[in-house]
């Protein structure tokens, strides 16, 4: 293990395993380990720790989470602190070990280039199918159960570990895990991002009732979304689709659309891809229908907002 190490990852489980391995291999004592989070603490505390000699042990491990100054960010490290840190890198304490954790590195930054001269760059990676089988090694697995589990966990190893623990308890008596067990027990890693919403919109406008209801039930029952919020999400996406279709007719580029609409490029790109599937009248009709059911829910014409939107989907 080098004295200066950078773990480049956003996966908490992999980061944790990497650090555990380092601690075990180097035999660090608990009292000689300091942990900092730069989202909550200032970097000068880290520098003070690096400059301070311990009376308890000569060997020290300092772990720094969320090292924002390593990645592309508007938040910068104070110039004096940066100079102080670079000076330390040029003459670091051989008995002290530093681990910086960030989800990316910005190679344009001076501090990153200085670190690369002395640091060990670690990018933890693992085959999640193999990892899932390791977690469930004492259980028999129905064909397709691992594939379903990975899809539900969105290839996130931290969630994969948590859900495997739940599955092991759920199937403790039979020691056999089926696809149905996964579907019933594991909450899908439904990150409410534009891709998921666009998938919902696509199912909605294509009148794929079964798929649309699956998205809807997940939003309401597993993620706690209110029907009115879902109507708002759908309406926002339809409005964006309509705006993009109009701008495309005027030969606006993606960058020009972003500047005009003040929307993230990812959303613009997804809207462009989806806009070709729909006619203007289809989008406007959906917006009109959503406005009508929104009014009916708010005015009390529909007693159950959840059932109201469900009925609306069934009548597509």
C-alpha atoms as a PDB file:
ATOM      1  CA  UNK A   1       0.000   0.000   0.000  1.00  0.00           C
ATOM      2  CA  UNK A   2       1.338   3.403  -0.980  1.00  0.00           C
ATOM      3  CA  UNK A   3       1.265   6.300   1.450  1.00  0.00           C
ATOM      4  CA  UNK A   4      -1.086   8.271  -0.815  1.00  0.00           C
ATOM      5  CA  UNK A   5      -4.090   6.487  -2.361  1.00  0.00           C
ATOM      6  CA  UNK A   6      -7.095   7.638  -4.364  1.00  0.00           C
ATOM      7  CA  UNK A   7     -10.198   5.458  -4.645  1.00  0.00           C
ATOM      8  CA  UNK A   8     -12.200   6.469  -7.704  1.00  0.00           C
ATOM      9  CA  UNK A   9     -15.740   5.156  -7.342  1.00  0.00           C
ATOM     10  CA  UNK A  10     -19.308   6.101  -6.408  1.00  0.00           C
ATOM     11  CA  UNK A  11     -20.153   2.592  -5.184  1.00  0.00           C
ATOM     12  CA  UNK A  12     -20.161   2.638  -1.385  1.00  0.00           C
ATOM     13  CA  UNK A  13     -19.958  -1.131  -1.040  1.00  0.00           C
ATOM     14  CA  UNK A  14     -16.885  -1.441  -3.255  1.00  0.00           C
ATOM     15  CA  UNK A  15     -15.237   1.510  -1.520  1.00  0.00           C
ATOM     16  CA  UNK A  16     -15.911  -0.024   1.886  1.00  0.00           C
ATOM     17  CA  UNK A  17     -14.494  -3.388   0.831  1.00  0.00           C
ATOM     18  CA  UNK A  18     -11.376  -1.762  -0.599  1.00  0.00           C
ATOM     19  CA  UNK A  19     -10.730   0.135   2.635  1.00  0.00           C
ATOM     20  CA  UNK A  20     -11.353  -2.957   4.769  1.00  0.00           C
ATOM     21  CA  UNK A  21      -8.775  -4.853   2.731  1.00  0.00           C
ATOM     22  CA  UNK A  22      -6.215  -2.072   3.178  1.00  0.00           C
ATOM     23  CA  UNK A  23      -6.785  -1.916   6.924  1.00  0.00           C
ATOM     24  CA  UNK A  24      -6.466  -5.685   7.248  1.00  0.00           C
ATOM     25  CA  UNK A  25      -3.364  -5.955   5.064  1.00  0.00           C
ATOM     26  CA  UNK A  26      -1.543  -3.107   6.794  1.00  0.00           C
ATOM     27  CA  UNK A  27      -2.727  -4.026  10.327  1.00  0.00           C
ATOM     28  CA  UNK A  28      -3.921  -0.530  11.233  1.00  0.00           C
ATOM     29  CA  UNK A  29      -5.100  -0.114  14.803  1.00  0.00           C
ATOM     30  CA  UNK A  30      -8.562   1.398  15.274  1.00  0.00           C
ATOM     31  CA  UNK A  31      -7.250   4.338  17.310  1.00  0.00           C
ATOM     32  CA  UNK A  32      -4.863   5.185  14.474  1.00  0.00           C
ATOM     33  CA  UNK A  33      -7.630   5.659  11.895  1.00  0.00           C
ATOM     34  CA  UNK A  34      -9.219   9.058  11.218  1.00  0.00           C
ATOM     35  CA  UNK A  35     -12.184   9.548   8.902  1.00  0.00           C
ATOM     36  CA  UNK A  36     -13.278  12.876   7.388  1.00  0.00           C
ATOM     37  CA  UNK A  37     -16.162  13.858   5.100  1.00  0.00           C
ATOM     38  CA  UNK A  38     -15.517  17.028   3.120  1.00  0.00           C
ATOM     39  CA  UNK A  39     -19.237  17.573   2.632  1.00  0.00           C
ATOM     40  CA  UNK A  40     -19.417  18.296   6.354  1.00  0.00           C
ATOM     41  CA  UNK A  41     -15.840  19.151   7.413  1.00  0.00           C
ATOM     42  CA  UNK A  42     -13.101  21.464   6.199  1.00  0.00           C
ATOM     43  CA  UNK A  43      -9.951  20.177   4.539  1.00  0.00           C
ATOM     44  CA  UNK A  44      -7.767  22.109   6.971  1.00  0.00           C
ATOM     45  CA  UNK A  45      -8.683  19.484   9.598  1.00  0.00           C
ATOM     46  CA  UNK A  46      -7.186  16.813   7.342  1.00  0.00           C
ATOM     47  CA  UNK A  47      -4.017  18.834   6.877  1.00  0.00           C
ATOM     48  CA  UNK A  48      -3.757  19.396  10.607  1.00  0.00           C
ATOM     49  CA  UNK A  49      -4.059  15.644  11.149  1.00  0.00           C
ATOM     50  CA  UNK A  50      -1.355  14.962   8.550  1.00  0.00           C
ATOM     51  CA  UNK A  51       0.956  17.449  10.258  1.00  0.00           C
ATOM     52  CA  UNK A  52       0.339  16.142  13.773  1.00  0.00           C
ATOM     53  CA  UNK A  53       2.456  13.340  15.211  1.00  0.00           C
ATOM     54  CA  UNK A  54       0.548  10.791  17.235  1.00  0.00           C
ATOM     55  CA  UNK A  55       1.741   9.866  20.718  1.00  0.00           C
ATOM     56  CA  UNK A  56      -0.164   6.565  20.614  1.00  0.00           C
ATOM     57  CA  UNK A  57       1.272   5.070  17.433  1.00  0.00           C
ATOM     58  CA  UNK A  58       3.658   6.029  14.662  1.00  0.00           C
ATOM     59  CA  UNK A  59       1.445   4.502  11.976  1.00  0.00           C
ATOM     60  CA  UNK A  60      -1.682   6.422  11.022  1.00  0.00           C
ATOM     61  CA  UNK A  61      -4.436   6.072   8.401  1.00  0.00           C
ATOM     62  CA  UNK A  62      -6.445   9.102   7.293  1.00  0.00           C
ATOM     63  CA  UNK A  63      -9.548   8.530   5.140  1.00  0.00           C
ATOM     64  CA  UNK A  64     -11.129  11.466   3.302  1.00  0.00           C
ATOM     65  CA  UNK A  65     -14.600  10.978   1.824  1.00  0.00           C
ATOM     66  CA  UNK A  66     -16.063  13.243  -0.873  1.00  0.00           C
ATOM     67  CA  UNK A  67     -12.770  14.799  -1.947  1.00  0.00           C
ATOM     68  CA  UNK A  68     -14.529  17.416  -4.063  1.00  0.00           C
ATOM     69  CA  UNK A  69     -11.330  19.178  -5.094  1.00  0.00           C
ATOM     70  CA  UNK A  70     -10.310  16.191  -7.237  1.00  0.00           C
ATOM     71  CA  UNK A  71     -13.299  16.274  -9.570  1.00  0.00           C
ATOM     72  CA  UNK A  72     -14.970  18.719 -11.924  1.00  0.00           C
ATOM     73  CA  UNK A  73     -16.750  21.055  -9.557  1.00  0.00           C
ATOM     74  CA  UNK A  74     -17.417  24.723  -9.058  1.00  0.00           C
ATOM     75  CA  UNK A  75     -16.302  24.267  -5.470  1.00  0.00           C
ATOM     76  CA  UNK A  76     -12.557  24.745  -5.190  1.00  0.00           C
ATOM     77  CA  UNK A  77      -9.943  24.203  -2.533  1.00  0.00           C
ATOM     78  CA  UNK A  78      -8.601  27.360  -0.912  1.00  0.00           C
ATOM     79  CA  UNK A  79      -5.282  28.345  -2.537  1.00  0.00           C
ATOM     80  CA  UNK A  80      -3.392  28.288   0.782  1.00  0.00           C
ATOM     81  CA  UNK A  81      -4.779  24.854   1.625  1.00  0.00           C
ATOM     82  CA  UNK A  82      -3.918  23.565  -1.839  1.00  0.00           C
ATOM     83  CA  UNK A  83      -0.327  24.834  -1.544  1.00  0.00           C
ATOM     84  CA  UNK A  84      -0.063  23.330   1.937  1.00  0.00           C
ATOM     85  CA  UNK A  85      -1.270  19.969   0.642  1.00  0.00           C
ATOM     86  CA  UNK A  86       1.058  19.989  -2.384  1.00  0.00           C
ATOM     87  CA  UNK A  87       3.965  20.765  -0.070  1.00  0.00           C
ATOM     88  CA  UNK A  88       2.970  17.761   2.033  1.00  0.00           C
ATOM     89  CA  UNK A  89       2.858  15.529  -1.069  1.00  0.00           C
ATOM     90  CA  UNK A  90       6.440  16.514  -1.874  1.00  0.00           C
ATOM     91  CA  UNK A  91       7.571  15.541   1.608  1.00  0.00           C
ATOM     92  CA  UNK A  92       4.958  13.232   3.119  1.00  0.00           C
ATOM     93  CA  UNK A  93       5.334  11.366   6.409  1.00  0.00           C
ATOM     94  CA  UNK A  94       6.331   7.751   5.537  1.00  0.00           C
ATOM     95  CA  UNK A  95       4.433   6.474   8.600  1.00  0.00           C
ATOM     96  CA  UNK A  96       1.167   8.130   7.552  1.00  0.00           C
ATOM     97  CA  UNK A  97      -1.243   6.736   4.957  1.00  0.00           C
ATOM     98  CA  UNK A  98      -3.886   8.817   3.186  1.00  0.00           C
ATOM     99  CA  UNK A  99      -6.937   7.607   1.269  1.00  0.00           C
ATOM    100  CA  UNK A 100      -8.856  10.155  -0.809  1.00  0.00           C
ATOM    101  CA  UNK A 101     -12.253   9.113  -2.157  1.00  0.00           C
ATOM    102  CA  UNK A 102     -13.909  10.722  -5.190  1.00  0.00           C
ATOM    103  CA  UNK A 103     -16.207   9.527  -7.961  1.00  0.00           C
ATOM    104  CA  UNK A 104     -14.055  11.117 -10.674  1.00  0.00           C
ATOM    105  CA  UNK A 105     -10.795  12.961 -11.325  1.00  0.00           C
ATOM    106  CA  UNK A 106     -10.409  16.192 -13.270  1.00  0.00           C
ATOM    107  CA  UNK A 107      -7.061  15.817 -15.064  1.00  0.00           C
ATOM    108  CA  UNK A 108      -6.981  19.565 -15.774  1.00  0.00           C
ATOM    109  CA  UNK A 109      -6.458  20.409 -12.122  1.00  0.00           C
ATOM    110  CA  UNK A 110      -2.992  21.052 -10.749  1.00  0.00           C
ATOM    111  CA  UNK A 111      -3.721  19.196  -7.520  1.00  0.00           C
ATOM    112  CA  UNK A 112      -4.771  16.087  -9.479  1.00  0.00           C
ATOM    113  CA  UNK A 113      -1.592  16.117 -11.546  1.00  0.00           C
ATOM    114  CA  UNK A 114       0.526  16.519  -8.415  1.00  0.00           C
ATOM    115  CA  UNK A 115      -1.273  13.603  -6.772  1.00  0.00           C
ATOM    116  CA  UNK A 116      -0.774  11.357  -9.784  1.00  0.00           C
ATOM    117  CA  UNK A 117       2.982  11.674  -9.314  1.00  0.00           C
ATOM    118  CA  UNK A 118       2.873  10.009  -5.890  1.00  0.00           C
ATOM    119  CA  UNK A 119      -0.552   8.392  -5.465  1.00  0.00           C
ATOM    120  CA  UNK A 120      -1.865   4.924  -6.153  1.00  0.00           C
ATOM    121  CA  UNK A 121      -5.079   5.186  -8.224  1.00  0.00           C
ATOM    122  CA  UNK A 122      -7.629   2.522  -7.322  1.00  0.00           C
ATOM    123  CA  UNK A 123     -10.765   1.925  -9.403  1.00  0.00           C
ATOM    124  CA  UNK A 124     -12.562  -0.983  -7.708  1.00  0.00           C
ATOM    125  CA  UNK A 125     -14.546  -3.191 -10.041  1.00  0.00           C
ATOM    126  CA  UNK A 126     -16.331  -6.494  -9.700  1.00  0.00           C
ATOM    127  CA  UNK A 127     -18.573  -8.783 -11.724  1.00  0.00           C
ATOM    128  CA  UNK A 128     -21.909  -8.335  -9.955  1.00  0.00           C
ATOM    129  CA  UNK A 129     -23.312 -11.687 -11.092  1.00  0.00           C
ATOM    130  CA  UNK A 130     -20.361 -13.411  -9.439  1.00  0.00           C
ATOM    131  CA  UNK A 131     -20.747 -11.200  -6.380  1.00  0.00           C
ATOM    132  CA  UNK A 132     -24.451 -12.057  -6.073  1.00  0.00           C
ATOM    133  CA  UNK A 133     -23.656 -15.772  -6.207  1.00  0.00           C
ATOM    134  CA  UNK A 134     -21.053 -15.272  -3.483  1.00  0.00           C
ATOM    135  CA  UNK A 135     -23.612 -13.502  -1.297  1.00  0.00           C
ATOM    136  CA  UNK A 136     -26.082 -16.358  -1.875  1.00  0.00           C
ATOM    137  CA  UNK A 137     -23.606 -19.230  -1.952  1.00  0.00           C
ATOM    138  CA  UNK A 138     -25.591 -21.437   0.467  1.00  0.00           C
ATOM    139  CA  UNK A 139     -28.787 -21.113  -1.561  1.00  0.00           C
ATOM    140  CA  UNK A 140     -30.092 -22.805  -4.688  1.00  0.00           C
ATOM    141  CA  UNK A 141     -31.064 -20.315  -7.382  1.00  0.00           C
ATOM    142  CA  UNK A 142     -33.783 -20.666 -10.011  1.00  0.00           C
ATOM    143  CA  UNK A 143     -32.517 -19.831 -13.515  1.00  0.00           C
ATOM    144  CA  UNK A 144     -33.174 -16.151 -14.174  1.00  0.00           C
ATOM    145  CA  UNK A 145     -33.221 -15.132 -10.505  1.00  0.00           C
ATOM    146  CA  UNK A 146     -29.744 -13.559 -10.609  1.00  0.00           C
ATOM    147  CA  UNK A 147     -30.519 -11.686 -13.835  1.00  0.00           C
ATOM    148  CA  UNK A 148     -33.745 -10.329 -12.324  1.00  0.00           C
ATOM    149  CA  UNK A 149     -31.984  -9.405  -9.100  1.00  0.00           C
ATOM    150  CA  UNK A 150     -29.265  -7.467 -10.922  1.00  0.00           C
ATOM    151  CA  UNK A 151     -31.856  -5.633 -13.010  1.00  0.00           C
ATOM    152  CA  UNK A 152     -33.843  -4.692  -9.904  1.00  0.00           C
ATOM    153  CA  UNK A 153     -30.667  -3.480  -8.181  1.00  0.00           C
ATOM    154  CA  UNK A 154     -29.630  -1.427 -11.237  1.00  0.00           C
ATOM    155  CA  UNK A 155     -26.145  -3.018 -11.001  1.00  0.00           C
ATOM    156  CA  UNK A 156     -25.518  -1.301  -7.668  1.00  0.00           C
ATOM    157  CA  UNK A 157     -23.400  -3.560  -5.450  1.00  0.00           C
ATOM    158  CA  UNK A 158     -24.399  -1.846  -2.200  1.00  0.00           C
ATOM    159  CA  UNK A 159     -28.099  -2.414  -2.903  1.00  0.00           C
ATOM    160  CA  UNK A 160     -27.299  -5.898  -4.194  1.00  0.00           C
ATOM    161  CA  UNK A 161     -25.776  -6.847  -0.841  1.00  0.00           C
ATOM    162  CA  UNK A 162     -28.751  -5.451   1.104  1.00  0.00           C
ATOM    163  CA  UNK A 163     -31.298  -7.233  -1.065  1.00  0.00           C
ATOM    164  CA  UNK A 164     -29.393 -10.530  -0.908  1.00  0.00           C
ATOM    165  CA  UNK A 165     -29.553 -10.348   2.886  1.00  0.00           C
ATOM    166  CA  UNK A 166     -33.325  -9.863   2.676  1.00  0.00           C
ATOM    167  CA  UNK A 167     -33.689 -12.762   0.252  1.00  0.00           C
ATOM    168  CA  UNK A 168     -31.656 -15.071   2.482  1.00  0.00           C
ATOM    169  CA  UNK A 169     -33.932 -14.375   5.426  1.00  0.00           C
ATOM    170  CA  UNK A 170     -37.069 -14.683   3.298  1.00  0.00           C
ATOM    171  CA  UNK A 171     -35.993 -18.059   1.869  1.00  0.00           C
ATOM    172  CA  UNK A 172     -34.220 -19.335   4.967  1.00  0.00           C
ATOM    173  CA  UNK A 173     -36.362 -22.455   5.298  1.00  0.00           C
ATOM    174  CA  UNK A 174     -36.340 -23.601   1.675  1.00  0.00           C
ATOM    175  CA  UNK A 175     -32.821 -22.389   0.805  1.00  0.00           C
ATOM    176  CA  UNK A 176     -34.213 -21.902  -2.711  1.00  0.00           C
ATOM    177  CA  UNK A 177     -34.607 -18.478  -4.340  1.00  0.00           C
ATOM    178  CA  UNK A 178     -36.941 -18.105  -7.313  1.00  0.00           C
ATOM    179  CA  UNK A 179     -37.562 -15.308  -9.799  1.00  0.00           C
ATOM    180  CA  UNK A 180     -40.930 -14.780  -8.128  1.00  0.00           C
ATOM    181  CA  UNK A 181     -39.223 -14.346  -4.746  1.00  0.00           C
ATOM    182  CA  UNK A 182     -37.056 -11.602  -6.201  1.00  0.00           C
ATOM    183  CA  UNK A 183     -40.026  -9.890  -7.857  1.00  0.00           C
ATOM    184  CA  UNK A 184     -42.073 -10.007  -4.655  1.00  0.00           C
ATOM    185  CA  UNK A 185     -39.396  -9.033  -2.153  1.00  0.00           C
ATOM    186  CA  UNK A 186     -36.874  -6.787  -3.850  1.00  0.00           C
ATOM    187  CA  UNK A 187     -37.857  -3.190  -4.377  1.00  0.00           C
ATOM    188  CA  UNK A 188     -36.590  -2.171  -7.812  1.00  0.00           C
ATOM    189  CA  UNK A 189     -33.859   0.430  -7.854  1.00  0.00           C
ATOM    190  CA  UNK A 190     -36.230   2.849  -9.523  1.00  0.00           C
ATOM    191  CA  UNK A 191     -34.204   5.989  -9.643  1.00  0.00           C
ATOM    192  CA  UNK A 192     -36.646   8.666 -10.664  1.00  0.00           C
ATOM    193  CA  UNK A 193     -34.619   9.984 -13.539  1.00  0.00           C
ATOM    194  CA  UNK A 194     -35.588  11.038 -17.003  1.00  0.00           C
ATOM    195  CA  UNK A 195     -35.053   7.577 -18.481  1.00  0.00           C
ATOM    196  CA  UNK A 196     -37.591   6.039 -16.101  1.00  0.00           C
ATOM    197  CA  UNK A 197     -40.103   8.820 -16.658  1.00  0.00           C
ATOM    198  CA  UNK A 198     -39.669   8.606 -20.422  1.00  0.00           C
ATOM    199  CA  UNK A 199     -40.264   4.851 -20.226  1.00  0.00           C
ATOM    200  CA  UNK A 200     -43.439   5.586 -18.301  1.00  0.00           C
ATOM    201  CA  UNK A 201     -44.453   8.199 -20.867  1.00  0.00           C
ATOM    202  CA  UNK A 202     -43.773   5.770 -23.717  1.00  0.00           C
ATOM    203  CA  UNK A 203     -45.921   3.078 -22.122  1.00  0.00           C
ATOM    204  CA  UNK A 204     -48.599   5.652 -21.454  1.00  0.00           C
ATOM    205  CA  UNK A 205     -48.827   7.140 -24.940  1.00  0.00           C
ATOM    206  CA  UNK A 206     -48.421   3.748 -26.666  1.00  0.00           C
ATOM    207  CA  UNK A 207     -51.373   2.524 -24.589  1.00  0.00           C
ATOM    208  CA  UNK A 208     -49.382  -0.359 -23.163  1.00  0.00           C
ATOM    209  CA  UNK A 209     -51.692  -0.701 -20.182  1.00  0.00           C
ATOM    210  CA  UNK A 210     -49.869  -3.545 -18.448  1.00  0.00           C
ATOM    211  CA  UNK A 211     -46.454  -1.903 -18.574  1.00  0.00           C
ATOM    212  CA  UNK A 212     -47.866   1.488 -17.717  1.00  0.00           C
ATOM    213  CA  UNK A 213     -49.647   0.111 -14.650  1.00  0.00           C
ATOM    214  CA  UNK A 214     -46.428  -1.594 -13.513  1.00  0.00           C
ATOM    215  CA  UNK A 215     -44.606   1.742 -13.618  1.00  0.00           C
ATOM    216  CA  UNK A 216     -47.531   3.425 -11.897  1.00  0.00           C
ATOM    217  CA  UNK A 217     -47.790   0.902  -9.037  1.00  0.00           C
ATOM    218  CA  UNK A 218     -44.044   1.095  -8.448  1.00  0.00           C
ATOM    219  CA  UNK A 219     -44.203   4.876  -8.255  1.00  0.00           C
ATOM    220  CA  UNK A 220     -47.154   4.875  -5.841  1.00  0.00           C
ATOM    221  CA  UNK A 221     -46.637   1.783  -3.700  1.00  0.00           C
ATOM    222  CA  UNK A 222     -42.854   1.429  -3.605  1.00  0.00           C
ATOM    223  CA  UNK A 223     -41.644   4.981  -3.965  1.00  0.00           C
ATOM    224  CA  UNK A 224     -44.459   6.863  -2.263  1.00  0.00           C
ATOM    225  CA  UNK A 225     -45.405   9.170  -5.127  1.00  0.00           C
ATOM    226  CA  UNK A 226     -48.808  10.858  -4.981  1.00  0.00           C
ATOM    227  CA  UNK A 227     -51.003  10.480  -8.093  1.00  0.00           C
ATOM    228  CA  UNK A 228     -51.086  14.253  -8.547  1.00  0.00           C
ATOM    229  CA  UNK A 229     -47.279  14.281  -8.557  1.00  0.00           C
ATOM    230  CA  UNK A 230     -47.271  11.574 -11.209  1.00  0.00           C
ATOM    231  CA  UNK A 231     -49.698  13.602 -13.323  1.00  0.00           C
ATOM    232  CA  UNK A 232     -47.297  16.528 -12.969  1.00  0.00           C
ATOM    233  CA  UNK A 233     -44.339  14.372 -14.031  1.00  0.00           C
ATOM    234  CA  UNK A 234     -46.199  13.129 -17.102  1.00  0.00           C
ATOM    235  CA  UNK A 235     -47.393  16.595 -18.039  1.00  0.00           C
ATOM    236  CA  UNK A 236     -43.876  18.051 -17.725  1.00  0.00           C
ATOM    237  CA  UNK A 237     -42.464  15.398 -20.037  1.00  0.00           C
ATOM    238  CA  UNK A 238     -45.220  15.865 -22.617  1.00  0.00           C
ATOM    239  CA  UNK A 239     -44.701  19.628 -22.585  1.00  0.00           C
ATOM    240  CA  UNK A 240     -40.967  19.099 -23.099  1.00  0.00           C
ATOM    241  CA  UNK A 241     -41.648  16.722 -25.995  1.00  0.00           C
ATOM    242  CA  UNK A 242     -43.879  19.312 -27.634  1.00  0.00           C
ATOM    243  CA  UNK A 243     -41.335  22.109 -27.158  1.00  0.00           C
ATOM    244  CA  UNK A 244     -38.564  19.987 -28.633  1.00  0.00           C
ATOM    245  CA  UNK A 245     -40.680  19.020 -31.637  1.00  0.00           C
ATOM    246  CA  UNK A 246     -41.360  22.679 -32.379  1.00  0.00           C
ATOM    247  CA  UNK A 247     -37.698  23.667 -32.001  1.00  0.00           C
ATOM    248  CA  UNK A 248     -36.582  20.797 -34.232  1.00  0.00           C
ATOM    249  CA  UNK A 249     -38.776  22.167 -37.004  1.00  0.00           C
ATOM    250  CA  UNK A 250     -36.840  25.427 -36.712  1.00  0.00           C
ATOM    251  CA  UNK A 251     -33.536  23.506 -36.922  1.00  0.00           C
ATOM    252  CA  UNK A 252     -32.427  24.272 -33.371  1.00  0.00           C
ATOM    253  CA  UNK A 253     -29.399  22.300 -32.211  1.00  0.00           C
ATOM    254  CA  UNK A 254     -29.322  20.402 -28.911  1.00  0.00           C
ATOM    255  CA  UNK A 255     -27.107  23.103 -27.368  1.00  0.00           C
ATOM    256  CA  UNK A 256     -29.438  25.860 -28.534  1.00  0.00           C
ATOM    257  CA  UNK A 257     -32.419  24.008 -27.049  1.00  0.00           C
ATOM    258  CA  UNK A 258     -30.612  23.657 -23.739  1.00  0.00           C
ATOM    259  CA  UNK A 259     -29.848  27.374 -23.622  1.00  0.00           C
ATOM    260  CA  UNK A 260     -33.426  28.312 -24.464  1.00  0.00           C
ATOM    261  CA  UNK A 261     -35.224  25.787 -22.239  1.00  0.00           C
ATOM    262  CA  UNK A 262     -32.656  25.848 -19.368  1.00  0.00           C
ATOM    263  CA  UNK A 263     -32.800  22.053 -19.124  1.00  0.00           C
ATOM    264  CA  UNK A 264     -30.036  19.490 -18.611  1.00  0.00           C
ATOM    265  CA  UNK A 265     -28.578  18.163 -21.916  1.00  0.00           C
ATOM    266  CA  UNK A 266     -29.526  14.604 -20.944  1.00  0.00           C
ATOM    267  CA  UNK A 267     -33.212  15.528 -20.864  1.00  0.00           C
ATOM    268  CA  UNK A 268     -32.929  17.306 -24.197  1.00  0.00           C
ATOM    269  CA  UNK A 269     -31.263  14.279 -25.794  1.00  0.00           C
ATOM    270  CA  UNK A 270     -33.927  11.887 -24.506  1.00  0.00           C
ATOM    271  CA  UNK A 271     -36.731  14.217 -25.605  1.00  0.00           C
ATOM    272  CA  UNK A 272     -35.268  14.466 -29.117  1.00  0.00           C
ATOM    273  CA  UNK A 273     -35.135  10.677 -29.377  1.00  0.00           C
ATOM    274  CA  UNK A 274     -38.738  10.287 -28.200  1.00  0.00           C
ATOM    275  CA  UNK A 275     -40.241  13.209 -30.118  1.00  0.00           C
ATOM    276  CA  UNK A 276     -40.090  11.429 -33.468  1.00  0.00           C
ATOM    277  CA  UNK A 277     -42.449   8.742 -32.203  1.00  0.00           C
ATOM    278  CA  UNK A 278     -45.400  11.084 -31.604  1.00  0.00           C
ATOM    279  CA  UNK A 279     -47.541  13.475 -33.599  1.00  0.00           C
ATOM    280  CA  UNK A 280     -48.239  16.914 -32.173  1.00  0.00           C
ATOM    281  CA  UNK A 281     -51.925  16.109 -31.750  1.00  0.00           C
ATOM    282  CA  UNK A 282     -51.145  13.019 -29.651  1.00  0.00           C
ATOM    283  CA  UNK A 283     -49.054  15.049 -27.229  1.00  0.00           C
ATOM    284  CA  UNK A 284     -51.673  17.821 -26.989  1.00  0.00           C
ATOM    285  CA  UNK A 285     -54.474  15.290 -26.419  1.00  0.00           C
ATOM    286  CA  UNK A 286     -52.522  13.672 -23.575  1.00  0.00           C
ATOM    287  CA  UNK A 287     -51.875  17.074 -21.985  1.00  0.00           C
ATOM    288  CA  UNK A 288     -55.576  17.880 -22.213  1.00  0.00           C
ATOM    289  CA  UNK A 289     -56.580  14.548 -20.678  1.00  0.00           C
ATOM    290  CA  UNK A 290     -54.075  14.926 -17.843  1.00  0.00           C
ATOM    291  CA  UNK A 291     -55.372  18.415 -17.095  1.00  0.00           C
ATOM    292  CA  UNK A 292     -58.921  17.051 -16.939  1.00  0.00           C
ATOM    293  CA  UNK A 293     -58.129  14.241 -14.497  1.00  0.00           C
ATOM    294  CA  UNK A 294     -56.048  16.655 -12.400  1.00  0.00           C
ATOM    295  CA  UNK A 295     -59.114  18.925 -12.137  1.00  0.00           C
ATOM    296  CA  UNK A 296     -61.413  16.001 -11.281  1.00  0.00           C
ATOM    297  CA  UNK A 297     -59.132  14.856  -8.463  1.00  0.00           C
ATOM    298  CA  UNK A 298     -58.706  18.350  -6.990  1.00  0.00           C
ATOM    299  CA  UNK A 299     -62.419  19.172  -7.266  1.00  0.00           C
ATOM    300  CA  UNK A 300     -63.459  15.923  -5.598  1.00  0.00           C
ATOM    301  CA  UNK A 301     -65.247  14.513  -8.639  1.00  0.00           C
ATOM    302  CA  UNK A 302     -62.977  11.484  -8.196  1.00  0.00           C
ATOM    303  CA  UNK A 303     -62.999  10.203  -4.608  1.00  0.00           C
ATOM    304  CA  UNK A 304     -59.766   8.197  -4.767  1.00  0.00           C
ATOM    305  CA  UNK A 305     -56.955   9.955  -6.609  1.00  0.00           C
ATOM    306  CA  UNK A 306     -54.994   6.701  -6.832  1.00  0.00           C
ATOM    307  CA  UNK A 307     -57.921   4.784  -8.325  1.00  0.00           C
ATOM    308  CA  UNK A 308     -58.781   7.726 -10.550  1.00  0.00           C
ATOM    309  CA  UNK A 309     -55.454   7.706 -12.360  1.00  0.00           C
ATOM    310  CA  UNK A 310     -55.496   3.915 -12.414  1.00  0.00           C
ATOM    311  CA  UNK A 311     -58.889   3.973 -14.138  1.00  0.00           C
ATOM    312  CA  UNK A 312     -57.615   6.593 -16.551  1.00  0.00           C
ATOM    313  CA  UNK A 313     -54.723   4.309 -17.538  1.00  0.00           C
ATOM    314  CA  UNK A 314     -57.052   1.336 -17.956  1.00  0.00           C
ATOM    315  CA  UNK A 315     -59.225   3.401 -20.316  1.00  0.00           C
ATOM    316  CA  UNK A 316     -56.324   4.285 -22.609  1.00  0.00           C
END
